[in-house]
């Protein structure tokens, strides 16, 4: 039975309700994917290929910084990479795939809202009050993860992987599909990883984890974070450190969140 609504819903009613939440989420993704498909010049030329261009914000800023600090190595991506398509339907397939990914990323706040709308009737009024900012926090963290990966990790990855050579005799002419999948996976992975505090919050609410548990396995979590950073970044130390630091900070934030959840639970129990 719902804790907010008196009428009792059967298991099939819950499934029907869930089905409509999923349908509306998919419709939002599909609609935004169509828009991304139509505006392909913006999606590909401006957004996806941006980190590889010399005039990209991060590349320009680092070059200016390299001049001020007299460190030439900071100036990256000043030579335009060469891309090629080797499959007959490669560009068309990539166009559809990126349109769908773009739709999923831009629709994320609405998807989370649909998820929240499905879960909300099963919560007590106090739980709804305490969780009211979850939608805003999840959307904000996801957006921060996307922006962090796009403006920091992606340019460094493009520079390292695009210019790495085992021999001067081997020229890098990069498969366009490989470039796009690398950028998309880095951005998506970072956006999802930045949801760590939200994930910890819900686990704390259900009692599956505690602040003491998170403290006890802090060292283990750092190892896991290092492994994840190695997966989503190129194999250079600087990029991995830049990914690890915010994730460790988010983990520590999760410990604080878990403490607050436990404190509120204790206060409600005493009352």
C-alpha atoms as a PDB file:
ATOM      1  CA  UNK A   1       0.000   0.000   0.000  1.00  0.00           C
ATOM      2  CA  UNK A   2       1.245   3.509  -0.756  1.00  0.00           C
ATOM      3  CA  UNK A   3       2.268   5.518   2.272  1.00  0.00           C
ATOM      4  CA  UNK A   4       0.910   8.735   0.782  1.00  0.00           C
ATOM      5  CA  UNK A   5      -2.152   7.535  -1.095  1.00  0.00           C
ATOM      6  CA  UNK A   6      -4.805   5.443   0.636  1.00  0.00           C
ATOM      7  CA  UNK A   7      -5.864   3.261  -2.319  1.00  0.00           C
ATOM      8  CA  UNK A   8      -3.935   0.005  -2.409  1.00  0.00           C
ATOM      9  CA  UNK A   9      -2.249  -0.924  -5.696  1.00  0.00           C
ATOM     10  CA  UNK A  10      -1.693  -4.483  -6.807  1.00  0.00           C
ATOM     11  CA  UNK A  11       1.582  -5.791  -8.180  1.00  0.00           C
ATOM     12  CA  UNK A  12       0.226  -5.539 -11.736  1.00  0.00           C
ATOM     13  CA  UNK A  13      -0.838  -1.941 -11.079  1.00  0.00           C
ATOM     14  CA  UNK A  14       2.709  -1.119  -9.991  1.00  0.00           C
ATOM     15  CA  UNK A  15       4.075  -2.757 -13.144  1.00  0.00           C
ATOM     16  CA  UNK A  16       1.660  -0.745 -15.271  1.00  0.00           C
ATOM     17  CA  UNK A  17       2.704   2.441 -13.515  1.00  0.00           C
ATOM     18  CA  UNK A  18       6.376   1.596 -14.023  1.00  0.00           C
ATOM     19  CA  UNK A  19       5.738   0.856 -17.693  1.00  0.00           C
ATOM     20  CA  UNK A  20       4.327   4.333 -18.281  1.00  0.00           C
ATOM     21  CA  UNK A  21       7.272   5.963 -16.504  1.00  0.00           C
ATOM     22  CA  UNK A  22       9.645   4.033 -18.775  1.00  0.00           C
ATOM     23  CA  UNK A  23       7.608   4.902 -21.875  1.00  0.00           C
ATOM     24  CA  UNK A  24       7.651   8.622 -21.043  1.00  0.00           C
ATOM     25  CA  UNK A  25      11.413   8.476 -20.417  1.00  0.00           C
ATOM     26  CA  UNK A  26      12.005   6.755 -23.749  1.00  0.00           C
ATOM     27  CA  UNK A  27       9.796   9.302 -25.519  1.00  0.00           C
ATOM     28  CA  UNK A  28      11.881  12.117 -24.023  1.00  0.00           C
ATOM     29  CA  UNK A  29      15.098  10.440 -25.207  1.00  0.00           C
ATOM     30  CA  UNK A  30      13.620   9.798 -28.657  1.00  0.00           C
ATOM     31  CA  UNK A  31      12.416  13.394 -29.035  1.00  0.00           C
ATOM     32  CA  UNK A  32      15.744  14.896 -28.029  1.00  0.00           C
ATOM     33  CA  UNK A  33      17.583  12.340 -30.177  1.00  0.00           C
ATOM     34  CA  UNK A  34      15.603  13.540 -33.214  1.00  0.00           C
ATOM     35  CA  UNK A  35      16.671  17.125 -32.477  1.00  0.00           C
ATOM     36  CA  UNK A  36      20.297  16.019 -32.131  1.00  0.00           C
ATOM     37  CA  UNK A  37      19.990  14.112 -35.425  1.00  0.00           C
ATOM     38  CA  UNK A  38      18.661  17.200 -37.206  1.00  0.00           C
ATOM     39  CA  UNK A  39      21.304  19.572 -35.843  1.00  0.00           C
ATOM     40  CA  UNK A  40      24.208  17.308 -36.745  1.00  0.00           C
ATOM     41  CA  UNK A  41      26.571  20.194 -37.601  1.00  0.00           C
ATOM     42  CA  UNK A  42      26.346  21.521 -34.053  1.00  0.00           C
ATOM     43  CA  UNK A  43      26.582  18.091 -32.441  1.00  0.00           C
ATOM     44  CA  UNK A  44      29.580  16.910 -34.458  1.00  0.00           C
ATOM     45  CA  UNK A  45      31.492  20.022 -35.605  1.00  0.00           C
ATOM     46  CA  UNK A  46      31.065  22.086 -32.441  1.00  0.00           C
ATOM     47  CA  UNK A  47      30.587  19.567 -29.618  1.00  0.00           C
ATOM     48  CA  UNK A  48      32.216  16.242 -30.506  1.00  0.00           C
ATOM     49  CA  UNK A  49      35.119  17.543 -32.578  1.00  0.00           C
ATOM     50  CA  UNK A  50      35.618  20.553 -30.314  1.00  0.00           C
ATOM     51  CA  UNK A  51      38.256  19.033 -27.970  1.00  0.00           C
ATOM     52  CA  UNK A  52      40.447  18.147 -30.969  1.00  0.00           C
ATOM     53  CA  UNK A  53      40.531  21.714 -32.366  1.00  0.00           C
ATOM     54  CA  UNK A  54      43.189  24.336 -31.530  1.00  0.00           C
ATOM     55  CA  UNK A  55      40.521  26.987 -30.802  1.00  0.00           C
ATOM     56  CA  UNK A  56      38.738  24.845 -28.180  1.00  0.00           C
ATOM     57  CA  UNK A  57      38.413  26.696 -24.849  1.00  0.00           C
ATOM     58  CA  UNK A  58      40.679  24.377 -22.833  1.00  0.00           C
ATOM     59  CA  UNK A  59      43.316  24.180 -25.564  1.00  0.00           C
ATOM     60  CA  UNK A  60      43.447  27.984 -25.925  1.00  0.00           C
ATOM     61  CA  UNK A  61      43.608  28.515 -22.172  1.00  0.00           C
ATOM     62  CA  UNK A  62      46.411  25.984 -21.683  1.00  0.00           C
ATOM     63  CA  UNK A  63      48.417  27.565 -24.507  1.00  0.00           C
ATOM     64  CA  UNK A  64      48.094  30.980 -22.889  1.00  0.00           C
ATOM     65  CA  UNK A  65      49.110  29.454 -19.565  1.00  0.00           C
ATOM     66  CA  UNK A  66      52.121  27.796 -21.205  1.00  0.00           C
ATOM     67  CA  UNK A  67      53.286  31.194 -22.467  1.00  0.00           C
ATOM     68  CA  UNK A  68      52.929  32.812 -19.047  1.00  0.00           C
ATOM     69  CA  UNK A  69      54.664  29.961 -17.226  1.00  0.00           C
ATOM     70  CA  UNK A  70      57.171  29.251 -19.998  1.00  0.00           C
ATOM     71  CA  UNK A  71      56.146  25.582 -20.126  1.00  0.00           C
ATOM     72  CA  UNK A  72      55.636  24.639 -23.809  1.00  0.00           C
ATOM     73  CA  UNK A  73      54.313  21.161 -22.899  1.00  0.00           C
ATOM     74  CA  UNK A  74      51.091  22.725 -21.589  1.00  0.00           C
ATOM     75  CA  UNK A  75      50.100  23.903 -25.070  1.00  0.00           C
ATOM     76  CA  UNK A  76      48.135  20.948 -26.472  1.00  0.00           C
ATOM     77  CA  UNK A  77      46.080  20.049 -29.552  1.00  0.00           C
ATOM     78  CA  UNK A  78      47.514  22.774 -31.779  1.00  0.00           C
ATOM     79  CA  UNK A  79      47.730  20.422 -34.759  1.00  0.00           C
ATOM     80  CA  UNK A  80      44.392  19.347 -36.186  1.00  0.00           C
ATOM     81  CA  UNK A  81      44.034  15.573 -36.131  1.00  0.00           C
ATOM     82  CA  UNK A  82      43.149  13.693 -39.298  1.00  0.00           C
ATOM     83  CA  UNK A  83      40.035  11.519 -39.230  1.00  0.00           C
ATOM     84  CA  UNK A  84      38.806   8.913 -41.653  1.00  0.00           C
ATOM     85  CA  UNK A  85      35.755   6.710 -42.165  1.00  0.00           C
ATOM     86  CA  UNK A  86      36.447   3.216 -43.480  1.00  0.00           C
ATOM     87  CA  UNK A  87      32.927   1.757 -43.516  1.00  0.00           C
ATOM     88  CA  UNK A  88      30.269   2.456 -46.144  1.00  0.00           C
ATOM     89  CA  UNK A  89      27.573   3.075 -43.535  1.00  0.00           C
ATOM     90  CA  UNK A  90      29.986   4.215 -40.837  1.00  0.00           C
ATOM     91  CA  UNK A  91      29.043   7.895 -40.737  1.00  0.00           C
ATOM     92  CA  UNK A  92      25.300   7.251 -40.932  1.00  0.00           C
ATOM     93  CA  UNK A  93      25.457   4.641 -38.156  1.00  0.00           C
ATOM     94  CA  UNK A  94      27.581   6.980 -36.049  1.00  0.00           C
ATOM     95  CA  UNK A  95      25.086   9.780 -36.658  1.00  0.00           C
ATOM     96  CA  UNK A  96      22.211   7.672 -35.291  1.00  0.00           C
ATOM     97  CA  UNK A  97      24.214   6.377 -32.330  1.00  0.00           C
ATOM     98  CA  UNK A  98      25.424   9.831 -31.258  1.00  0.00           C
ATOM     99  CA  UNK A  99      21.918  11.243 -31.658  1.00  0.00           C
ATOM    100  CA  UNK A 100      20.648   8.616 -29.219  1.00  0.00           C
ATOM    101  CA  UNK A 101      23.501   9.255 -26.758  1.00  0.00           C
ATOM    102  CA  UNK A 102      22.857  13.005 -26.954  1.00  0.00           C
ATOM    103  CA  UNK A 103      19.169  12.423 -26.310  1.00  0.00           C
ATOM    104  CA  UNK A 104      19.926  10.257 -23.250  1.00  0.00           C
ATOM    105  CA  UNK A 105      22.344  12.824 -21.783  1.00  0.00           C
ATOM    106  CA  UNK A 106      20.063  15.834 -22.245  1.00  0.00           C
ATOM    107  CA  UNK A 107      17.014  13.892 -21.025  1.00  0.00           C
ATOM    108  CA  UNK A 108      18.734  12.680 -17.852  1.00  0.00           C
ATOM    109  CA  UNK A 109      17.025  15.196 -15.492  1.00  0.00           C
ATOM    110  CA  UNK A 110      13.612  14.169 -16.840  1.00  0.00           C
ATOM    111  CA  UNK A 111      14.486  10.445 -16.621  1.00  0.00           C
ATOM    112  CA  UNK A 112      15.508  10.891 -12.983  1.00  0.00           C
ATOM    113  CA  UNK A 113      12.277  12.817 -12.393  1.00  0.00           C
ATOM    114  CA  UNK A 114      10.260   9.893 -13.756  1.00  0.00           C
ATOM    115  CA  UNK A 115      12.181   7.511 -11.512  1.00  0.00           C
ATOM    116  CA  UNK A 116      11.542   9.789  -8.550  1.00  0.00           C
ATOM    117  CA  UNK A 117       7.833  10.046  -9.424  1.00  0.00           C
ATOM    118  CA  UNK A 118       7.585   6.258  -9.360  1.00  0.00           C
ATOM    119  CA  UNK A 119       9.341   5.904  -5.999  1.00  0.00           C
ATOM    120  CA  UNK A 120       7.787   8.934  -4.250  1.00  0.00           C
ATOM    121  CA  UNK A 121       4.342   7.421  -3.438  1.00  0.00           C
ATOM    122  CA  UNK A 122       6.079   4.700  -1.376  1.00  0.00           C
ATOM    123  CA  UNK A 123       7.791   7.251   0.872  1.00  0.00           C
ATOM    124  CA  UNK A 124       6.606   8.844   4.097  1.00  0.00           C
ATOM    125  CA  UNK A 125       6.009  12.626   4.105  1.00  0.00           C
ATOM    126  CA  UNK A 126       9.202  13.193   6.133  1.00  0.00           C
ATOM    127  CA  UNK A 127      11.217  11.135   3.645  1.00  0.00           C
ATOM    128  CA  UNK A 128       9.790  13.146   0.751  1.00  0.00           C
ATOM    129  CA  UNK A 129      10.712  16.378   2.527  1.00  0.00           C
ATOM    130  CA  UNK A 130      14.297  15.247   3.157  1.00  0.00           C
ATOM    131  CA  UNK A 131      14.652  13.900  -0.394  1.00  0.00           C
ATOM    132  CA  UNK A 132      13.127  16.912  -2.153  1.00  0.00           C
ATOM    133  CA  UNK A 133      16.491  18.141  -3.396  1.00  0.00           C
ATOM    134  CA  UNK A 134      17.489  14.757  -4.833  1.00  0.00           C
ATOM    135  CA  UNK A 135      16.352  15.640  -8.358  1.00  0.00           C
ATOM    136  CA  UNK A 136      18.262  18.915  -8.385  1.00  0.00           C
ATOM    137  CA  UNK A 137      21.366  17.328  -6.813  1.00  0.00           C
ATOM    138  CA  UNK A 138      21.396  14.388  -9.248  1.00  0.00           C
ATOM    139  CA  UNK A 139      20.993  16.658 -12.287  1.00  0.00           C
ATOM    140  CA  UNK A 140      23.662  19.051 -11.019  1.00  0.00           C
ATOM    141  CA  UNK A 141      26.192  16.317 -10.269  1.00  0.00           C
ATOM    142  CA  UNK A 142      25.579  14.634 -13.618  1.00  0.00           C
ATOM    143  CA  UNK A 143      26.049  17.946 -15.441  1.00  0.00           C
ATOM    144  CA  UNK A 144      29.240  18.688 -13.495  1.00  0.00           C
ATOM    145  CA  UNK A 145      30.596  15.250 -14.400  1.00  0.00           C
ATOM    146  CA  UNK A 146      29.793  15.808 -18.069  1.00  0.00           C
ATOM    147  CA  UNK A 147      31.405  19.270 -18.113  1.00  0.00           C
ATOM    148  CA  UNK A 148      34.459  18.084 -16.168  1.00  0.00           C
ATOM    149  CA  UNK A 149      35.068  15.237 -18.605  1.00  0.00           C
ATOM    150  CA  UNK A 150      34.369  17.348 -21.701  1.00  0.00           C
ATOM    151  CA  UNK A 151      36.536  20.349 -20.821  1.00  0.00           C
ATOM    152  CA  UNK A 152      39.312  18.654 -18.830  1.00  0.00           C
ATOM    153  CA  UNK A 153      39.634  14.928 -19.536  1.00  0.00           C
ATOM    154  CA  UNK A 154      38.613  14.872 -23.214  1.00  0.00           C
ATOM    155  CA  UNK A 155      41.237  17.382 -24.475  1.00  0.00           C
ATOM    156  CA  UNK A 156      43.991  15.624 -22.533  1.00  0.00           C
ATOM    157  CA  UNK A 157      42.854  12.243 -23.855  1.00  0.00           C
ATOM    158  CA  UNK A 158      42.723  13.512 -27.440  1.00  0.00           C
ATOM    159  CA  UNK A 159      46.202  14.983 -27.139  1.00  0.00           C
ATOM    160  CA  UNK A 160      47.789  11.918 -25.564  1.00  0.00           C
ATOM    161  CA  UNK A 161      46.115   9.222 -27.665  1.00  0.00           C
ATOM    162  CA  UNK A 162      45.961  11.201 -30.898  1.00  0.00           C
ATOM    163  CA  UNK A 163      49.660  12.106 -30.879  1.00  0.00           C
ATOM    164  CA  UNK A 164      51.169   8.988 -29.331  1.00  0.00           C
ATOM    165  CA  UNK A 165      53.551   7.226 -31.727  1.00  0.00           C
ATOM    166  CA  UNK A 166      55.610   4.079 -31.426  1.00  0.00           C
ATOM    167  CA  UNK A 167      57.614   5.163 -34.484  1.00  0.00           C
ATOM    168  CA  UNK A 168      57.947   8.277 -36.639  1.00  0.00           C
ATOM    169  CA  UNK A 169      57.222   6.045 -39.617  1.00  0.00           C
ATOM    170  CA  UNK A 170      53.665   5.415 -38.395  1.00  0.00           C
ATOM    171  CA  UNK A 171      51.268   8.307 -38.992  1.00  0.00           C
ATOM    172  CA  UNK A 172      48.109   8.695 -36.908  1.00  0.00           C
ATOM    173  CA  UNK A 173      45.066   8.853 -39.181  1.00  0.00           C
ATOM    174  CA  UNK A 174      42.326   8.151 -36.674  1.00  0.00           C
ATOM    175  CA  UNK A 175      39.170   6.195 -37.364  1.00  0.00           C
ATOM    176  CA  UNK A 176      36.339   8.661 -36.751  1.00  0.00           C
ATOM    177  CA  UNK A 177      34.241   5.999 -35.018  1.00  0.00           C
ATOM    178  CA  UNK A 178      37.080   5.308 -32.591  1.00  0.00           C
ATOM    179  CA  UNK A 179      37.412   8.999 -31.757  1.00  0.00           C
ATOM    180  CA  UNK A 180      33.667   9.474 -31.178  1.00  0.00           C
ATOM    181  CA  UNK A 181      33.301   6.338 -29.031  1.00  0.00           C
ATOM    182  CA  UNK A 182      36.289   7.414 -26.903  1.00  0.00           C
ATOM    183  CA  UNK A 183      34.871  10.896 -26.249  1.00  0.00           C
ATOM    184  CA  UNK A 184      31.340   9.575 -25.623  1.00  0.00           C
ATOM    185  CA  UNK A 185      32.491   6.859 -23.203  1.00  0.00           C
ATOM    186  CA  UNK A 186      34.689   9.287 -21.222  1.00  0.00           C
ATOM    187  CA  UNK A 187      31.910  11.868 -20.894  1.00  0.00           C
ATOM    188  CA  UNK A 188      29.182   9.363 -20.015  1.00  0.00           C
ATOM    189  CA  UNK A 189      31.345   7.479 -17.510  1.00  0.00           C
ATOM    190  CA  UNK A 190      32.312  10.709 -15.775  1.00  0.00           C
ATOM    191  CA  UNK A 191      28.695  11.896 -15.588  1.00  0.00           C
ATOM    192  CA  UNK A 192      27.596   8.634 -13.996  1.00  0.00           C
ATOM    193  CA  UNK A 193      30.542   8.462 -11.611  1.00  0.00           C
ATOM    194  CA  UNK A 194      29.708  11.947 -10.303  1.00  0.00           C
ATOM    195  CA  UNK A 195      26.390  10.485  -9.114  1.00  0.00           C
ATOM    196  CA  UNK A 196      28.294   8.701  -6.319  1.00  0.00           C
ATOM    197  CA  UNK A 197      26.891  10.892  -3.471  1.00  0.00           C
ATOM    198  CA  UNK A 198      23.316  10.274  -4.678  1.00  0.00           C
ATOM    199  CA  UNK A 199      24.003   6.548  -4.858  1.00  0.00           C
ATOM    200  CA  UNK A 200      25.412   6.577  -1.314  1.00  0.00           C
ATOM    201  CA  UNK A 201      22.414   8.593  -0.109  1.00  0.00           C
ATOM    202  CA  UNK A 202      19.894   6.017  -1.307  1.00  0.00           C
ATOM    203  CA  UNK A 203      21.990   3.140   0.050  1.00  0.00           C
ATOM    204  CA  UNK A 204      22.137   4.918   3.408  1.00  0.00           C
ATOM    205  CA  UNK A 205      18.375   5.482   3.412  1.00  0.00           C
ATOM    206  CA  UNK A 206      17.803   1.777   2.883  1.00  0.00           C
ATOM    207  CA  UNK A 207      20.382   0.860   5.542  1.00  0.00           C
ATOM    208  CA  UNK A 208      22.631  -1.047   3.131  1.00  0.00           C
ATOM    209  CA  UNK A 209      25.655   1.119   3.967  1.00  0.00           C
ATOM    210  CA  UNK A 210      26.666   3.239   6.956  1.00  0.00           C
ATOM    211  CA  UNK A 211      29.190   6.010   7.486  1.00  0.00           C
ATOM    212  CA  UNK A 212      31.345   3.617   9.541  1.00  0.00           C
ATOM    213  CA  UNK A 213      31.266   1.091   6.707  1.00  0.00           C
ATOM    214  CA  UNK A 214      32.357   3.764   4.224  1.00  0.00           C
ATOM    215  CA  UNK A 215      35.169   4.874   6.541  1.00  0.00           C
ATOM    216  CA  UNK A 216      36.319   1.312   7.114  1.00  0.00           C
ATOM    217  CA  UNK A 217      36.627   0.616   3.388  1.00  0.00           C
ATOM    218  CA  UNK A 218      37.995   4.058   2.433  1.00  0.00           C
ATOM    219  CA  UNK A 219      41.326   2.616   1.305  1.00  0.00           C
ATOM    220  CA  UNK A 220      39.585  -0.054  -0.746  1.00  0.00           C
ATOM    221  CA  UNK A 221      37.418   2.607  -2.377  1.00  0.00           C
ATOM    222  CA  UNK A 222      40.508   4.602  -3.386  1.00  0.00           C
ATOM    223  CA  UNK A 223      41.872   1.512  -5.155  1.00  0.00           C
ATOM    224  CA  UNK A 224      38.551   1.102  -6.974  1.00  0.00           C
ATOM    225  CA  UNK A 225      38.555   4.797  -7.931  1.00  0.00           C
ATOM    226  CA  UNK A 226      42.092   4.476  -9.287  1.00  0.00           C
ATOM    227  CA  UNK A 227      41.021   1.468 -11.347  1.00  0.00           C
ATOM    228  CA  UNK A 228      37.994   3.344 -12.730  1.00  0.00           C
ATOM    229  CA  UNK A 229      40.166   6.365 -13.537  1.00  0.00           C
ATOM    230  CA  UNK A 230      42.581   4.113 -15.423  1.00  0.00           C
ATOM    231  CA  UNK A 231      39.667   2.745 -17.471  1.00  0.00           C
ATOM    232  CA  UNK A 232      38.075   6.043 -18.544  1.00  0.00           C
ATOM    233  CA  UNK A 233      41.284   8.043 -19.040  1.00  0.00           C
ATOM    234  CA  UNK A 234      44.382   7.603 -21.199  1.00  0.00           C
ATOM    235  CA  UNK A 235      47.334   5.891 -19.542  1.00  0.00           C
ATOM    236  CA  UNK A 236      49.028   9.030 -18.258  1.00  0.00           C
ATOM    237  CA  UNK A 237      49.398   9.957 -14.611  1.00  0.00           C
ATOM    238  CA  UNK A 238      48.118  13.547 -14.868  1.00  0.00           C
ATOM    239  CA  UNK A 239      44.734  12.604 -16.353  1.00  0.00           C
ATOM    240  CA  UNK A 240      44.230   9.821 -13.827  1.00  0.00           C
ATOM    241  CA  UNK A 241      45.023  12.122 -10.898  1.00  0.00           C
ATOM    242  CA  UNK A 242      42.616  14.758 -12.224  1.00  0.00           C
ATOM    243  CA  UNK A 243      39.841  12.143 -12.337  1.00  0.00           C
ATOM    244  CA  UNK A 244      40.704  10.590  -8.965  1.00  0.00           C
ATOM    245  CA  UNK A 245      40.715  13.821  -6.944  1.00  0.00           C
ATOM    246  CA  UNK A 246      37.074  14.829  -7.542  1.00  0.00           C
ATOM    247  CA  UNK A 247      35.915  11.223  -7.112  1.00  0.00           C
ATOM    248  CA  UNK A 248      37.697  10.930  -3.766  1.00  0.00           C
ATOM    249  CA  UNK A 249      36.124  14.246  -2.755  1.00  0.00           C
ATOM    250  CA  UNK A 250      32.689  12.919  -3.781  1.00  0.00           C
ATOM    251  CA  UNK A 251      33.299   9.756  -1.739  1.00  0.00           C
ATOM    252  CA  UNK A 252      34.124  11.854   1.323  1.00  0.00           C
ATOM    253  CA  UNK A 253      30.980  13.887   0.656  1.00  0.00           C
ATOM    254  CA  UNK A 254      29.080  10.591   0.604  1.00  0.00           C
ATOM    255  CA  UNK A 255      30.383   9.792   4.099  1.00  0.00           C
ATOM    256  CA  UNK A 256      29.055  13.142   5.350  1.00  0.00           C
ATOM    257  CA  UNK A 257      25.698  12.453   3.688  1.00  0.00           C
ATOM    258  CA  UNK A 258      25.523   9.001   5.295  1.00  0.00           C
ATOM    259  CA  UNK A 259      26.192  10.571   8.724  1.00  0.00           C
ATOM    260  CA  UNK A 260      23.341  13.042   8.229  1.00  0.00           C
ATOM    261  CA  UNK A 261      20.964  10.262   7.171  1.00  0.00           C
ATOM    262  CA  UNK A 262      21.880   8.251  10.290  1.00  0.00           C
ATOM    263  CA  UNK A 263      21.483  11.303  12.540  1.00  0.00           C
ATOM    264  CA  UNK A 264      18.008  12.030  11.178  1.00  0.00           C
ATOM    265  CA  UNK A 265      17.037   8.377  11.529  1.00  0.00           C
ATOM    266  CA  UNK A 266      18.148   8.406  15.186  1.00  0.00           C
ATOM    267  CA  UNK A 267      16.229  11.627  15.877  1.00  0.00           C
ATOM    268  CA  UNK A 268      13.046  10.173  14.350  1.00  0.00           C
ATOM    269  CA  UNK A 269      13.513   6.980  16.374  1.00  0.00           C
ATOM    270  CA  UNK A 270      13.823   8.961  19.642  1.00  0.00           C
ATOM    271  CA  UNK A 271      10.698  10.958  18.824  1.00  0.00           C
END
